PDB file of N, CA and C in Angstrom:
ATOM      1  N   MET A   1      15.142  -7.174   9.679  1.00  0.00           N
ATOM      2  CA  MET A   1      14.577  -7.402  10.746  1.00  0.00           C
ATOM      3  C   MET A   1      13.783  -5.845  11.214  1.00  0.00           C
ATOM      4  N   ILE A   2      12.588  -6.353  11.743  1.00  0.00           N
ATOM      5  CA  ILE A   2      11.555  -4.749  12.263  1.00  0.00           C
ATOM      6  C   ILE A   2      12.110  -4.763  13.651  1.00  0.00           C
ATOM      7  N   ASP A   3      12.485  -3.550  13.772  1.00  0.00           N
ATOM      8  CA  ASP A   3      12.733  -2.873  15.134  1.00  0.00           C
ATOM      9  C   ASP A   3      11.333  -2.754  16.079  1.00  0.00           C
ATOM     10  N   GLY A   4      11.055  -3.395  17.060  1.00  0.00           N
ATOM     11  CA  GLY A   4       9.631  -3.469  17.568  1.00  0.00           C
ATOM     12  C   GLY A   4       9.275  -2.363  18.507  1.00  0.00           C
ATOM     13  N   THR A   5      10.915  -1.659  18.569  1.00  0.00           N
ATOM     14  CA  THR A   5      10.769  -0.170  19.767  1.00  0.00           C
ATOM     15  C   THR A   5      10.298   0.944  18.657  1.00  0.00           C
ATOM     16  N   LYS A   6      10.509   0.812  17.679  1.00  0.00           N
ATOM     17  CA  LYS A   6      10.114   2.016  16.758  1.00  0.00           C
ATOM     18  C   LYS A   6       9.158   1.942  15.895  1.00  0.00           C
ATOM     19  N   SER A   7       8.174   2.977  16.206  1.00  0.00           N
ATOM     20  CA  SER A   7       6.833   2.681  15.731  1.00  0.00           C
ATOM     21  C   SER A   7       6.588   2.915  14.506  1.00  0.00           C
ATOM     22  N   TRP A   8       7.466   4.174  14.016  1.00  0.00           N
ATOM     23  CA  TRP A   8       7.300   4.910  12.408  1.00  0.00           C
ATOM     24  C   TRP A   8       8.558   4.828  11.972  1.00  0.00           C
ATOM     25  N   ILE A   9       8.492   4.131  10.604  1.00  0.00           N
ATOM     26  CA  ILE A   9       9.650   3.566   9.654  1.00  0.00           C
ATOM     27  C   ILE A   9       9.767   4.865   8.670  1.00  0.00           C
ATOM     28  N   GLU A  10      10.833   5.525   8.329  1.00  0.00           N
ATOM     29  CA  GLU A  10      10.826   6.487   7.337  1.00  0.00           C
ATOM     30  C   GLU A  10      11.223   5.407   6.190  1.00  0.00           C
ATOM     31  N   VAL A  11      10.339   5.559   4.906  1.00  0.00           N
ATOM     32  CA  VAL A  11      10.528   4.900   3.631  1.00  0.00           C
ATOM     33  C   VAL A  11      10.814   5.591   2.341  1.00  0.00           C
ATOM     34  N   GLY A  12      10.818   7.180   2.196  1.00  0.00           N
ATOM     35  CA  GLY A  12      11.375   7.623   1.525  1.00  0.00           C
ATOM     36  C   GLY A  12      10.555   8.821   1.318  1.00  0.00           C
ATOM     37  N   SER A  13      10.804   9.429   0.195  1.00  0.00           N
ATOM     38  CA  SER A  13       9.937  11.279   0.172  1.00  0.00           C
ATOM     39  C   SER A  13       8.941  10.686  -0.462  1.00  0.00           C
ATOM     40  N   ILE A  14       7.906  11.809  -0.640  1.00  0.00           N
ATOM     41  CA  ILE A  14       6.523  11.602  -1.552  1.00  0.00           C
ATOM     42  C   ILE A  14       7.188  11.916  -3.246  1.00  0.00           C
ATOM     43  N   SER A  15       8.157  12.663  -3.133  1.00  0.00           N
ATOM     44  CA  SER A  15       8.687  13.120  -4.507  1.00  0.00           C
ATOM     45  C   SER A  15       9.112  11.959  -5.084  1.00  0.00           C
ATOM     46  N   GLU A  16       9.228  10.856  -4.516  1.00  0.00           N
ATOM     47  CA  GLU A  16       9.760   9.666  -5.200  1.00  0.00           C
ATOM     48  C   GLU A  16       8.894   8.782  -5.968  1.00  0.00           C
ATOM     49  N   ILE A  17       7.583   9.078  -5.492  1.00  0.00           N
ATOM     50  CA  ILE A  17       6.347   8.354  -5.880  1.00  0.00           C
ATOM     51  C   ILE A  17       5.551   9.313  -7.083  1.00  0.00           C
ATOM     52  N   PRO A  18       5.527   8.575  -8.270  1.00  0.00           N
ATOM     53  CA  PRO A  18       4.669   9.610  -9.249  1.00  0.00           C
ATOM     54  C   PRO A  18       3.239   9.818  -8.992  1.00  0.00           C
ATOM     55  N   ILE A  19       2.540  10.744  -9.376  1.00  0.00           N
ATOM     56  CA  ILE A  19       1.434  10.695  -9.162  1.00  0.00           C
ATOM     57  C   ILE A  19       0.701   9.778  -9.848  1.00  0.00           C
ATOM     58  N   ARG A  20      -0.537   9.249  -9.143  1.00  0.00           N
ATOM     59  CA  ARG A  20      -1.275   7.947  -9.753  1.00  0.00           C
ATOM     60  C   ARG A  20      -0.009   6.714  -9.867  1.00  0.00           C
ATOM     61  N   GLY A  21       0.909   6.977  -8.969  1.00  0.00           N
ATOM     62  CA  GLY A  21       1.835   5.432  -9.349  1.00  0.00           C
ATOM     63  C   GLY A  21       2.272   4.977  -7.863  1.00  0.00           C
ATOM     64  N   ALA A  22       3.450   4.392  -7.969  1.00  0.00           N
ATOM     65  CA  ALA A  22       3.641   3.309  -6.790  1.00  0.00           C
ATOM     66  C   ALA A  22       5.190   3.332  -6.919  1.00  0.00           C
ATOM     67  N   ARG A  23       5.403   2.743  -5.543  1.00  0.00           N
ATOM     68  CA  ARG A  23       6.875   2.223  -5.535  1.00  0.00           C
ATOM     69  C   ARG A  23       6.609   1.352  -4.479  1.00  0.00           C
ATOM     70  N   CYS A  24       7.994   0.502  -4.496  1.00  0.00           N
ATOM     71  CA  CYS A  24       8.032  -0.637  -3.156  1.00  0.00           C
ATOM     72  C   CYS A  24       9.187  -0.581  -2.435  1.00  0.00           C
ATOM     73  N   VAL A  25       8.874  -0.894  -0.998  1.00  0.00           N
ATOM     74  CA  VAL A  25      10.008  -0.999  -0.117  1.00  0.00           C
ATOM     75  C   VAL A  25      10.083  -2.347   0.357  1.00  0.00           C
ATOM     76  N   LYS A  26      11.181  -2.700   0.922  1.00  0.00           N
ATOM     77  CA  LYS A  26      11.193  -3.892   1.414  1.00  0.00           C
ATOM     78  C   LYS A  26      11.919  -3.886   3.049  1.00  0.00           C
ATOM     79  N   ILE A  27      10.993  -4.328   3.741  1.00  0.00           N
ATOM     80  CA  ILE A  27      11.136  -4.118   5.169  1.00  0.00           C
ATOM     81  C   ILE A  27      11.271  -5.616   5.640  1.00  0.00           C
ATOM     82  N   GLY A  28      12.168  -6.231   5.929  1.00  0.00           N
ATOM     83  CA  GLY A  28      12.168  -7.684   6.339  1.00  0.00           C
ATOM     84  C   GLY A  28      11.836  -8.608   5.447  1.00  0.00           C
ATOM     85  N   ASP A  29      10.809  -9.177   5.631  1.00  0.00           N
ATOM     86  CA  ASP A  29      10.225 -10.181   4.130  1.00  0.00           C
ATOM     87  C   ASP A  29       9.049  -9.479   3.770  1.00  0.00           C
ATOM     88  N   LEU A  30       8.820  -8.526   4.382  1.00  0.00           N
ATOM     89  CA  LEU A  30       7.415  -8.038   3.363  1.00  0.00           C
ATOM     90  C   LEU A  30       7.911  -7.000   2.372  1.00  0.00           C
ATOM     91  N   THR A  31       7.107  -7.023   1.287  1.00  0.00           N
ATOM     92  CA  THR A  31       7.543  -5.779   0.307  1.00  0.00           C
ATOM     93  C   THR A  31       6.202  -5.077   0.447  1.00  0.00           C
ATOM     94  N   ILE A  32       6.391  -3.978   0.450  1.00  0.00           N
ATOM     95  CA  ILE A  32       5.232  -2.854   0.877  1.00  0.00           C
ATOM     96  C   ILE A  32       5.309  -2.037  -0.363  1.00  0.00           C
ATOM     97  N   ALA A  33       3.968  -1.905  -1.036  1.00  0.00           N
ATOM     98  CA  ALA A  33       3.849  -0.842  -2.156  1.00  0.00           C
ATOM     99  C   ALA A  33       3.400   0.520  -1.435  1.00  0.00           C
ATOM    100  N   LEU A  34       4.036   1.463  -1.907  1.00  0.00           N
ATOM    101  CA  LEU A  34       3.449   2.826  -1.319  1.00  0.00           C
ATOM    102  C   LEU A  34       2.723   3.585  -2.721  1.00  0.00           C
ATOM    103  N   PHE A  35       1.513   3.864  -2.352  1.00  0.00           N
ATOM    104  CA  PHE A  35       0.784   4.632  -3.679  1.00  0.00           C
ATOM    105  C   PHE A  35       0.555   6.158  -3.433  1.00  0.00           C
ATOM    106  N   ARG A  36       0.754   6.854  -4.471  1.00  0.00           N
ATOM    107  CA  ARG A  36       0.262   8.075  -4.357  1.00  0.00           C
ATOM    108  C   ARG A  36      -0.885   8.458  -5.333  1.00  0.00           C
ATOM    109  N   THR A  37      -2.022   9.052  -4.865  1.00  0.00           N
ATOM    110  CA  THR A  37      -2.949   9.433  -5.656  1.00  0.00           C
ATOM    111  C   THR A  37      -3.150  10.846  -6.131  1.00  0.00           C
ATOM    112  N   ALA A  38      -3.554  10.827  -7.222  1.00  0.00           N
ATOM    113  CA  ALA A  38      -3.936  12.295  -7.806  1.00  0.00           C
ATOM    114  C   ALA A  38      -4.166  13.381  -6.817  1.00  0.00           C
ATOM    115  N   GLU A  39      -4.500  13.166  -5.742  1.00  0.00           N
ATOM    116  CA  GLU A  39      -4.790  14.272  -4.670  1.00  0.00           C
ATOM    117  C   GLU A  39      -3.480  14.415  -3.786  1.00  0.00           C
ATOM    118  N   ASN A  40      -2.574  13.866  -3.994  1.00  0.00           N
ATOM    119  CA  ASN A  40      -1.416  13.376  -3.171  1.00  0.00           C
ATOM    120  C   ASN A  40      -1.745  12.570  -1.867  1.00  0.00           C
ATOM    121  N   LYS A  41      -2.410  12.176  -1.706  1.00  0.00           N
ATOM    122  CA  LYS A  41      -2.775  10.883  -0.583  1.00  0.00           C
ATOM    123  C   LYS A  41      -1.637   9.833  -0.746  1.00  0.00           C
ATOM    124  N   ILE A  42      -1.142   9.389   0.454  1.00  0.00           N
ATOM    125  CA  ILE A  42      -0.268   8.260   0.270  1.00  0.00           C
ATOM    126  C   ILE A  42      -0.917   7.022   1.006  1.00  0.00           C
ATOM    127  N   PHE A  43      -0.979   5.925   0.573  1.00  0.00           N
ATOM    128  CA  PHE A  43      -1.242   4.912   1.079  1.00  0.00           C
ATOM    129  C   PHE A  43      -0.182   3.679   0.983  1.00  0.00           C
ATOM    130  N   ALA A  44      -0.118   2.818   1.821  1.00  0.00           N
ATOM    131  CA  ALA A  44       0.736   1.424   1.975  1.00  0.00           C
ATOM    132  C   ALA A  44       0.278   0.435   2.462  1.00  0.00           C
ATOM    133  N   MET A  45       0.453  -0.513   1.487  1.00  0.00           N
ATOM    134  CA  MET A  45      -0.368  -1.883   1.675  1.00  0.00           C
ATOM    135  C   MET A  45       0.818  -2.920   1.193  1.00  0.00           C
ATOM    136  N   GLU A  46       0.585  -4.103   1.647  1.00  0.00           N
ATOM    137  CA  GLU A  46       1.267  -5.265   1.297  1.00  0.00           C
ATOM    138  C   GLU A  46       1.417  -5.522  -0.425  1.00  0.00           C
ATOM    139  N   ASP A  47       2.490  -5.662  -1.166  1.00  0.00           N
ATOM    140  CA  ASP A  47       2.500  -5.583  -2.310  1.00  0.00           C
ATOM    141  C   ASP A  47       2.169  -6.738  -3.224  1.00  0.00           C
ATOM    142  N   LYS A  48       0.751  -7.286  -2.789  1.00  0.00           N
ATOM    143  CA  LYS A  48      -0.101  -8.640  -2.956  1.00  0.00           C
ATOM    144  C   LYS A  48      -1.383  -8.544  -3.261  1.00  0.00           C
ATOM    145  N   CYS A  49      -1.759  -8.930  -4.299  1.00  0.00           N
ATOM    146  CA  CYS A  49      -3.453  -8.878  -4.547  1.00  0.00           C
ATOM    147  C   CYS A  49      -3.971 -10.325  -3.847  1.00  0.00           C
ATOM    148  N   PRO A  50      -5.121  -9.697  -3.137  1.00  0.00           N
ATOM    149  CA  PRO A  50      -5.580 -11.036  -2.702  1.00  0.00           C
ATOM    150  C   PRO A  50      -6.124 -12.144  -3.525  1.00  0.00           C
ATOM    151  N   HIS A  51      -6.176 -11.824  -4.650  1.00  0.00           N
ATOM    152  CA  HIS A  51      -6.513 -12.968  -5.708  1.00  0.00           C
ATOM    153  C   HIS A  51      -5.466 -14.159  -5.843  1.00  0.00           C
ATOM    154  N   LYS A  52      -4.500 -13.373  -6.613  1.00  0.00           N
ATOM    155  CA  LYS A  52      -3.312 -14.350  -7.080  1.00  0.00           C
ATOM    156  C   LYS A  52      -2.115 -13.924  -6.652  1.00  0.00           C
ATOM    157  N   ASN A  53      -2.115 -13.037  -5.466  1.00  0.00           N
ATOM    158  CA  ASN A  53      -0.781 -12.443  -5.160  1.00  0.00           C
ATOM    159  C   ASN A  53      -0.078 -11.603  -6.300  1.00  0.00           C
ATOM    160  N   GLY A  54      -0.796 -11.193  -7.308  1.00  0.00           N
ATOM    161  CA  GLY A  54      -0.394 -10.020  -8.191  1.00  0.00           C
ATOM    162  C   GLY A  54       0.197  -8.948  -7.467  1.00  0.00           C
ATOM    163  N   PRO A  55       1.395  -8.565  -8.326  1.00  0.00           N
ATOM    164  CA  PRO A  55       2.020  -7.049  -7.843  1.00  0.00           C
ATOM    165  C   PRO A  55       1.375  -5.846  -7.693  1.00  0.00           C
ATOM    166  N   LEU A  56       0.231  -5.554  -6.613  1.00  0.00           N
ATOM    167  CA  LEU A  56      -0.534  -4.347  -6.846  1.00  0.00           C
ATOM    168  C   LEU A  56       0.416  -2.986  -7.132  1.00  0.00           C
ATOM    169  N   SER A  57       1.933  -3.229  -6.741  1.00  0.00           N
ATOM    170  CA  SER A  57       2.495  -1.707  -7.222  1.00  0.00           C
ATOM    171  C   SER A  57       2.395  -1.570  -8.464  1.00  0.00           C
ATOM    172  N   GLN A  58       2.311  -2.769  -9.548  1.00  0.00           N
ATOM    173  CA  GLN A  58       2.351  -2.652 -11.224  1.00  0.00           C
ATOM    174  C   GLN A  58       0.753  -2.182 -11.536  1.00  0.00           C
ATOM    175  N   GLY A  59      -0.299  -2.119 -10.553  1.00  0.00           N
ATOM    176  CA  GLY A  59      -1.416  -1.708 -11.226  1.00  0.00           C
ATOM    177  C   GLY A  59      -1.433  -0.370 -11.706  1.00  0.00           C
ATOM    178  N   ILE A  60      -2.940  -0.032 -12.037  1.00  0.00           N
ATOM    179  CA  ILE A  60      -3.298   1.504 -12.223  1.00  0.00           C
ATOM    180  C   ILE A  60      -4.037   2.055 -11.004  1.00  0.00           C
ATOM    181  N   VAL A  61      -3.644   3.160 -10.654  1.00  0.00           N
ATOM    182  CA  VAL A  61      -4.319   3.837  -9.477  1.00  0.00           C
ATOM    183  C   VAL A  61      -5.108   4.957  -9.964  1.00  0.00           C
ATOM    184  N   HIS A  62      -6.459   4.669  -9.123  1.00  0.00           N
ATOM    185  CA  HIS A  62      -7.463   5.667  -9.918  1.00  0.00           C
ATOM    186  C   HIS A  62      -8.282   5.911  -8.693  1.00  0.00           C
ATOM    187  N   GLY A  63      -8.780   6.960  -8.346  1.00  0.00           N
ATOM    188  CA  GLY A  63      -9.088   7.630  -7.027  1.00  0.00           C
ATOM    189  C   GLY A  63      -8.336   7.020  -6.131  1.00  0.00           C
ATOM    190  N   ASP A  64      -9.165   6.323  -5.084  1.00  0.00           N
ATOM    191  CA  ASP A  64      -8.343   5.817  -3.810  1.00  0.00           C
ATOM    192  C   ASP A  64      -8.503   4.444  -4.069  1.00  0.00           C
ATOM    193  N   CYS A  65      -8.111   3.570  -5.000  1.00  0.00           N
ATOM    194  CA  CYS A  65      -8.273   2.547  -5.443  1.00  0.00           C
ATOM    195  C   CYS A  65      -6.787   2.019  -6.367  1.00  0.00           C
ATOM    196  N   VAL A  66      -6.614   0.771  -6.303  1.00  0.00           N
ATOM    197  CA  VAL A  66      -5.592   0.264  -7.344  1.00  0.00           C
ATOM    198  C   VAL A  66      -6.039  -0.896  -8.095  1.00  0.00           C
ATOM    199  N   THR A  67      -6.016  -1.154  -9.654  1.00  0.00           N
ATOM    200  CA  THR A  67      -6.696  -2.123 -10.170  1.00  0.00           C
ATOM    201  C   THR A  67      -5.240  -3.502 -10.314  1.00  0.00           C
ATOM    202  N   CYS A  68      -5.508  -4.191  -9.819  1.00  0.00           N
ATOM    203  CA  CYS A  68      -4.392  -5.346 -10.164  1.00  0.00           C
ATOM    204  C   CYS A  68      -4.067  -5.568 -11.547  1.00  0.00           C
ATOM    205  N   PRO A  69      -2.933  -5.801 -11.967  1.00  0.00           N
ATOM    206  CA  PRO A  69      -2.408  -5.906 -13.254  1.00  0.00           C
ATOM    207  C   PRO A  69      -2.611  -7.453 -13.941  1.00  0.00           C
ATOM    208  N   LEU A  70      -3.032  -8.222 -12.827  1.00  0.00           N
ATOM    209  CA  LEU A  70      -3.061  -9.515 -13.363  1.00  0.00           C
ATOM    210  C   LEU A  70      -4.656  -9.797 -13.806  1.00  0.00           C
ATOM    211  N   HIS A  71      -5.561  -9.526 -12.965  1.00  0.00           N
ATOM    212  CA  HIS A  71      -6.994 -10.143 -13.064  1.00  0.00           C
ATOM    213  C   HIS A  71      -7.798  -8.814 -12.891  1.00  0.00           C
ATOM    214  N   ASN A  72      -7.427  -7.939 -12.926  1.00  0.00           N
ATOM    215  CA  ASN A  72      -8.200  -6.550 -13.055  1.00  0.00           C
ATOM    216  C   ASN A  72      -9.131  -6.592 -11.547  1.00  0.00           C
ATOM    217  N   TRP A  73      -8.596  -7.210 -10.456  1.00  0.00           N
ATOM    218  CA  TRP A  73      -9.227  -6.979  -9.517  1.00  0.00           C
ATOM    219  C   TRP A  73      -9.175  -5.697  -8.861  1.00  0.00           C
ATOM    220  N   ILE A  74     -10.198  -4.969  -8.170  1.00  0.00           N
ATOM    221  CA  ILE A  74     -10.193  -3.580  -7.877  1.00  0.00           C
ATOM    222  C   ILE A  74      -9.992  -3.242  -6.471  1.00  0.00           C
ATOM    223  N   ILE A  75      -8.929  -2.808  -5.587  1.00  0.00           N
ATOM    224  CA  ILE A  75      -8.539  -3.203  -4.314  1.00  0.00           C
ATOM    225  C   ILE A  75      -8.715  -1.750  -3.686  1.00  0.00           C
ATOM    226  N   SER A  76      -9.257  -1.415  -2.475  1.00  0.00           N
ATOM    227  CA  SER A  76      -9.331  -0.424  -1.883  1.00  0.00           C
ATOM    228  C   SER A  76      -8.074   0.276  -1.315  1.00  0.00           C
ATOM    229  N   LEU A  77      -7.500   1.304  -1.662  1.00  0.00           N
ATOM    230  CA  LEU A  77      -6.225   1.494  -0.861  1.00  0.00           C
ATOM    231  C   LEU A  77      -6.266   1.926   0.602  1.00  0.00           C
ATOM    232  N   GLU A  78      -7.505   2.621   1.006  1.00  0.00           N
ATOM    233  CA  GLU A  78      -7.719   2.759   2.102  1.00  0.00           C
ATOM    234  C   GLU A  78      -7.944   1.675   3.156  1.00  0.00           C
ATOM    235  N   THR A  79      -8.616   0.441   2.714  1.00  0.00           N
ATOM    236  CA  THR A  79      -8.887  -0.673   3.341  1.00  0.00           C
ATOM    237  C   THR A  79      -8.458  -2.033   2.936  1.00  0.00           C
ATOM    238  N   GLY A  80      -7.561  -1.997   1.800  1.00  0.00           N
ATOM    239  CA  GLY A  80      -6.975  -3.324   1.325  1.00  0.00           C
ATOM    240  C   GLY A  80      -8.098  -4.351   0.973  1.00  0.00           C
ATOM    241  N   GLU A  81      -9.578  -3.913   0.937  1.00  0.00           N
ATOM    242  CA  GLU A  81     -10.414  -4.834   0.639  1.00  0.00           C
ATOM    243  C   GLU A  81     -10.743  -4.817  -0.916  1.00  0.00           C
ATOM    244  N   ALA A  82     -10.984  -5.870  -1.383  1.00  0.00           N
ATOM    245  CA  ALA A  82     -11.544  -6.091  -3.024  1.00  0.00           C
ATOM    246  C   ALA A  82     -12.860  -5.207  -2.856  1.00  0.00           C
ATOM    247  N   GLN A  83     -13.127  -4.785  -4.075  1.00  0.00           N
ATOM    248  CA  GLN A  83     -14.196  -4.030  -4.423  1.00  0.00           C
ATOM    249  C   GLN A  83     -15.041  -4.893  -5.492  1.00  0.00           C
ATOM    250  N   GLY A  84     -16.520  -4.492  -5.319  1.00  0.00           N
ATOM    251  CA  GLY A  84     -17.491  -4.882  -6.087  1.00  0.00           C
ATOM    252  C   GLY A  84     -17.607  -6.276  -5.931  1.00  0.00           C
ATOM    253  N   ALA A  85     -17.829  -7.604  -6.503  1.00  0.00           N
ATOM    254  CA  ALA A  85     -18.139  -8.657  -6.177  1.00  0.00           C
ATOM    255  C   ALA A  85     -17.089  -9.531  -5.698  1.00  0.00           C
ATOM    256  N   ASP A  86     -15.717  -9.214  -6.090  1.00  0.00           N
ATOM    257  CA  ASP A  86     -14.723  -9.744  -5.552  1.00  0.00           C
ATOM    258  C   ASP A  86     -14.700  -9.812  -3.885  1.00  0.00           C
ATOM    259  N   LYS A  87     -13.966 -10.761  -3.467  1.00  0.00           N
ATOM    260  CA  LYS A  87     -13.825 -10.925  -1.887  1.00  0.00           C
ATOM    261  C   LYS A  87     -12.444 -11.260  -1.778  1.00  0.00           C
ATOM    262  N   GLY A  88     -11.795 -10.786  -0.459  1.00  0.00           N
ATOM    263  CA  GLY A  88     -10.279 -10.615  -0.094  1.00  0.00           C
ATOM    264  C   GLY A  88     -10.010  -9.680   0.418  1.00  0.00           C
ATOM    265  N   SER A  89      -8.798  -9.405   0.814  1.00  0.00           N
ATOM    266  CA  SER A  89      -8.285  -8.417   1.305  1.00  0.00           C
ATOM    267  C   SER A  89      -6.683  -8.485   1.492  1.00  0.00           C
ATOM    268  N   THR A  90      -5.884  -7.234   1.590  1.00  0.00           N
ATOM    269  CA  THR A  90      -4.275  -7.362   1.844  1.00  0.00           C
ATOM    270  C   THR A  90      -4.209  -6.474   3.011  1.00  0.00           C
ATOM    271  N   LEU A  91      -2.941  -6.718   3.647  1.00  0.00           N
ATOM    272  CA  LEU A  91      -2.664  -5.835   4.867  1.00  0.00           C
ATOM    273  C   LEU A  91      -2.472  -4.361   4.402  1.00  0.00           C
ATOM    274  N   THR A  92      -3.186  -3.644   5.057  1.00  0.00           N
ATOM    275  CA  THR A  92      -2.781  -2.194   4.796  1.00  0.00           C
ATOM    276  C   THR A  92      -1.886  -1.367   5.828  1.00  0.00           C
ATOM    277  N   PHE A  93      -1.204  -0.436   5.936  1.00  0.00           N
ATOM    278  CA  PHE A  93      -0.570  -0.036   6.921  1.00  0.00           C
ATOM    279  C   PHE A  93      -0.548   1.798   6.990  1.00  0.00           C
ATOM    280  N   PRO A  94      -0.588   1.987   8.206  1.00  0.00           N
ATOM    281  CA  PRO A  94      -0.835   3.423   8.311  1.00  0.00           C
ATOM    282  C   PRO A  94       0.343   4.280   8.087  1.00  0.00           C
ATOM    283  N   THR A  95       0.021   5.405   7.375  1.00  0.00           N
ATOM    284  CA  THR A  95       1.161   6.299   6.827  1.00  0.00           C
ATOM    285  C   THR A  95       1.103   7.619   7.552  1.00  0.00           C
ATOM    286  N   GLN A  96       1.939   8.202   7.262  1.00  0.00           N
ATOM    287  CA  GLN A  96       2.319   9.690   7.703  1.00  0.00           C
ATOM    288  C   GLN A  96       3.246  10.483   7.261  1.00  0.00           C
ATOM    289  N   ILE A  97       3.408  11.975   6.578  1.00  0.00           N
ATOM    290  CA  ILE A  97       4.387  12.590   5.977  1.00  0.00           C
ATOM    291  C   ILE A  97       4.599  13.658   6.830  1.00  0.00           C
ATOM    292  N   ASN A  98       6.106  13.930   6.950  1.00  0.00           N
ATOM    293  CA  ASN A  98       6.623  15.078   7.933  1.00  0.00           C
ATOM    294  C   ASN A  98       7.539  15.984   6.697  1.00  0.00           C
ATOM    295  N   ASP A  99       7.291  16.976   6.495  1.00  0.00           N
ATOM    296  CA  ASP A  99       8.288  17.640   5.406  1.00  0.00           C
ATOM    297  C   ASP A  99       8.704  17.006   4.361  1.00  0.00           C
ATOM    298  N   GLY A 100       7.463  16.325   3.835  1.00  0.00           N
ATOM    299  CA  GLY A 100       8.042  15.343   2.559  1.00  0.00           C
ATOM    300  C   GLY A 100       8.434  13.915   2.700  1.00  0.00           C
ATOM    301  N   VAL A 101       8.810  13.727   4.136  1.00  0.00           N
ATOM    302  CA  VAL A 101       9.406  12.565   4.161  1.00  0.00           C
ATOM    303  C   VAL A 101       8.237  11.431   4.795  1.00  0.00           C
ATOM    304  N   ILE A 102       7.987  10.257   4.023  1.00  0.00           N
ATOM    305  CA  ILE A 102       6.575   9.105   4.224  1.00  0.00           C
ATOM    306  C   ILE A 102       7.320   8.257   5.384  1.00  0.00           C
ATOM    307  N   SER A 103       6.525   7.926   6.313  1.00  0.00           N
ATOM    308  CA  SER A 103       6.773   6.931   7.455  1.00  0.00           C
ATOM    309  C   SER A 103       5.276   6.168   7.411  1.00  0.00           C
ATOM    310  N   ILE A 104       5.820   4.842   7.901  1.00  0.00           N
ATOM    311  CA  ILE A 104       4.890   3.984   7.875  1.00  0.00           C
ATOM    312  C   ILE A 104       5.045   3.161   9.175  1.00  0.00           C
ATOM    313  N   SER A 105       3.782   2.739   9.781  1.00  0.00           N
ATOM    314  CA  SER A 105       3.809   1.826  10.804  1.00  0.00           C
ATOM    315  C   SER A 105       3.396   0.469  10.848  1.00  0.00           C
ATOM    316  N   LEU A 106       4.501  -0.461  11.143  1.00  0.00           N
ATOM    317  CA  LEU A 106       4.055  -1.725  10.677  1.00  0.00           C
ATOM    318  C   LEU A 106       3.254  -2.487  12.392  1.00  0.00           C
ATOM    319  N   LEU A 107       3.813  -1.775  13.105  1.00  0.00           N
ATOM    320  CA  LEU A 107       3.173  -2.127  14.478  1.00  0.00           C
ATOM    321  C   LEU A 107       1.634  -1.873  14.471  1.00  0.00           C
ATOM    322  N   ALA A 108       1.092  -1.011  13.832  1.00  0.00           N
ATOM    323  CA  ALA A 108      -0.358  -0.757  13.747  1.00  0.00           C
ATOM    324  C   ALA A 108      -0.852  -1.449  12.380  1.00  0.00           C
ATOM    325  N   ARG A 109      -0.301  -2.179  11.884  1.00  0.00           N
ATOM    326  CA  ARG A 109      -0.795  -2.752  10.602  1.00  0.00           C
ATOM    327  C   ARG A 109      -2.164  -3.390  10.601  1.00  0.00           C
ATOM    328  N   LYS A 110      -3.178  -2.852   9.739  1.00  0.00           N
ATOM    329  CA  LYS A 110      -4.463  -3.053   9.812  1.00  0.00           C
ATOM    330  C   LYS A 110      -4.641  -4.835   9.152  1.00  0.00           C
ATOM    331  N   GLU A 111      -5.135  -5.680   9.827  1.00  0.00           N
ATOM    332  CA  GLU A 111      -5.452  -6.784   9.337  1.00  0.00           C
ATOM    333  C   GLU A 111      -6.798  -6.910   9.061  1.00  0.00           C
ATOM    334  N   VAL A 112      -7.464  -7.321   7.874  1.00  0.00           N
ATOM    335  CA  VAL A 112      -8.656  -7.494   7.662  1.00  0.00           C
ATOM    336  C   VAL A 112      -9.085  -8.763   7.264  1.00  0.00           C
ATOM    337  N   ALA A 113     -10.007  -9.255   8.412  1.00  0.00           N
ATOM    338  CA  ALA A 113     -10.778 -10.626   8.253  1.00  0.00           C
ATOM    339  C   ALA A 113     -11.171 -10.948   6.735  1.00  0.00           C
ATOM    340  N   ALA A 114     -10.714 -12.183   6.203  1.00  0.00           N
ATOM    341  CA  ALA A 114     -10.920 -12.883   5.132  1.00  0.00           C
ATOM    342  C   ALA A 114     -12.409 -13.290   5.090  1.00  0.00           C
TER     343      ALA A 114
END
């Protein structure tokens, strides 16, 4: 259950996510993928491709995007929007890092219009 009074939820350490990799955390019914880019930026989004709900956490991270392992859709880690000719989006969540600990805000999730 999500605590509506706590705006930031600690979800782990940056060292737990490989560079250009991902890991998942489960919060309530939501599975959130945390991504780490080569530049050590951390992004959080629902672990569902907007195309066929593929597990984005198992995709390839490149630049500020991830490629879905099912049908090669490229999703912006920053906005959650499909790139190129593909259309659709997934939920993204703000992240912050304090002393190597990653926190996300579910209250401020960014819903992108389909």
